[in-house]
Amino acid sequence: MLTPEGERVEHPEFRFAPDAAGQSEAEVIRGLYRDMVLVRRIDTESTALQRHGELGIWAQLLGQEAAQVGAGRALRPQDFVFPTYREHGVAWCRGLDPLKLLGLFRGVDHGDWDPEEYNFALYTIVIGAQTLHATGYAMGMQRDGAVGTGDPERDGAVIAHFGDGASSQGDVNEAFIFAASYNAPVVFFCQNNQWAISEPIERQTRIPLYQRALGFGFPGVRVDGNDVLATYAVTQAALQRARDGQGPTLVEAYTYRMGAHTTTDDPTRYRLSDDVESWKLKDPISRVEVYLRRNGLADAAFFEEVAAEAADLGARLRDGVKALPDPQPLDIFDRVYAEQTDELREQHAEFAAYLQSFEGAH
């Protein structure tokens, strides 16, 4: 719907029609641009914080802003999100303070937000497990009578985010089976960023990922994941289909991971720089900026305001992270069980003795 050159394109099946009441289309697109710029700043700032030793690790989303913001803004308040560990843009769209994400990556908590407050589950590190959680939650919504009633304020849907690498996991395929069998109101949103860490998509599938849905008995669609308007439109349609009681959809957002899998990864060891350069020309933020400028939908003051807001956000994240406590190694034992077991107590004592052996060492 929006080419890399910033030109609008009509689609015969999908249409960009935002839910936002009282806002013009231009206002909504400016909002999507702002979201993507701020989300990118969260990502670049967090990467820098990790390099400075303030975070233990960071999962980058550079290049995937349109896929996440488009999907995030297509949600309604009553919809529920099950993320992986990279959905920082979706978290932003759900109103989550990014500092709550950084506490997790700093190691001072296990995710410091209430999923029910934001309708956004805690990050899932186990690859693909969240698709089963999402399907079960969606089946629960069915049984609560919150699907297919025709009431737009009540009917809800669930969206499960995962990557192309996770599509090879058994959990994901089991979730597809259950969702199809029970007609669960769930959207499976796969961000195909071409790489499962160092494994290319060609090693994972012989057909486009979205076509797998047909084998399970529900529709699949591939969307340009670098086009925020198209991603919004396709996700909106899939969510509404689920809310109406018509069952699951697989959305494959075809995009590219411009950065590393995480900050512990070195992508130069397994992919060509030419590929990265070609995808830079498809940058999701640049195409929206070109569209807004070319059509007179935003002036210089708007772009300066967004840039200043991004700079302020970056400063707040830097100050906020440095104000967080340092993670304590023994804290990992505190929230395993409600009541500590004898085995865990023994492990705690052994690890404490091990740490104490370093005291006074040079």
Foldseek 3Di string as FASTA:
>chain_A
DAFLQQDDDDDPPWDQDAPDPPDDPLRVLLVLLLLLLLLQLLQVLLLVCVVVVLFVKFFHDAWQLLLLQLLLRLFDQPAAEEEALHNSSNCVSLVHQCLQSRCCRLQADVGPDDCVVSSYDGHHHPALQSLQVQQVVQVVCVVVVQAQPPDPVRQYAYEYEHELVSVQDPNNVVSLQSQLVSLGRYEYEYEHQQDPQQDGSVVRDPDPPQVVSVVNPAHGDEDQSLANSRSNRVSSVQNVCSRNSRTYYYYYHYIHRLDGSMSVGDNVVRDDVVVSVVRVSSHSSVSSVSNCVVVVSDDPVSVVVSVVVSVVSSVCSVVSSVPDDRHDVLCVLVPPDPDHDPVSVVVSVVVVVVVVVCVPPD
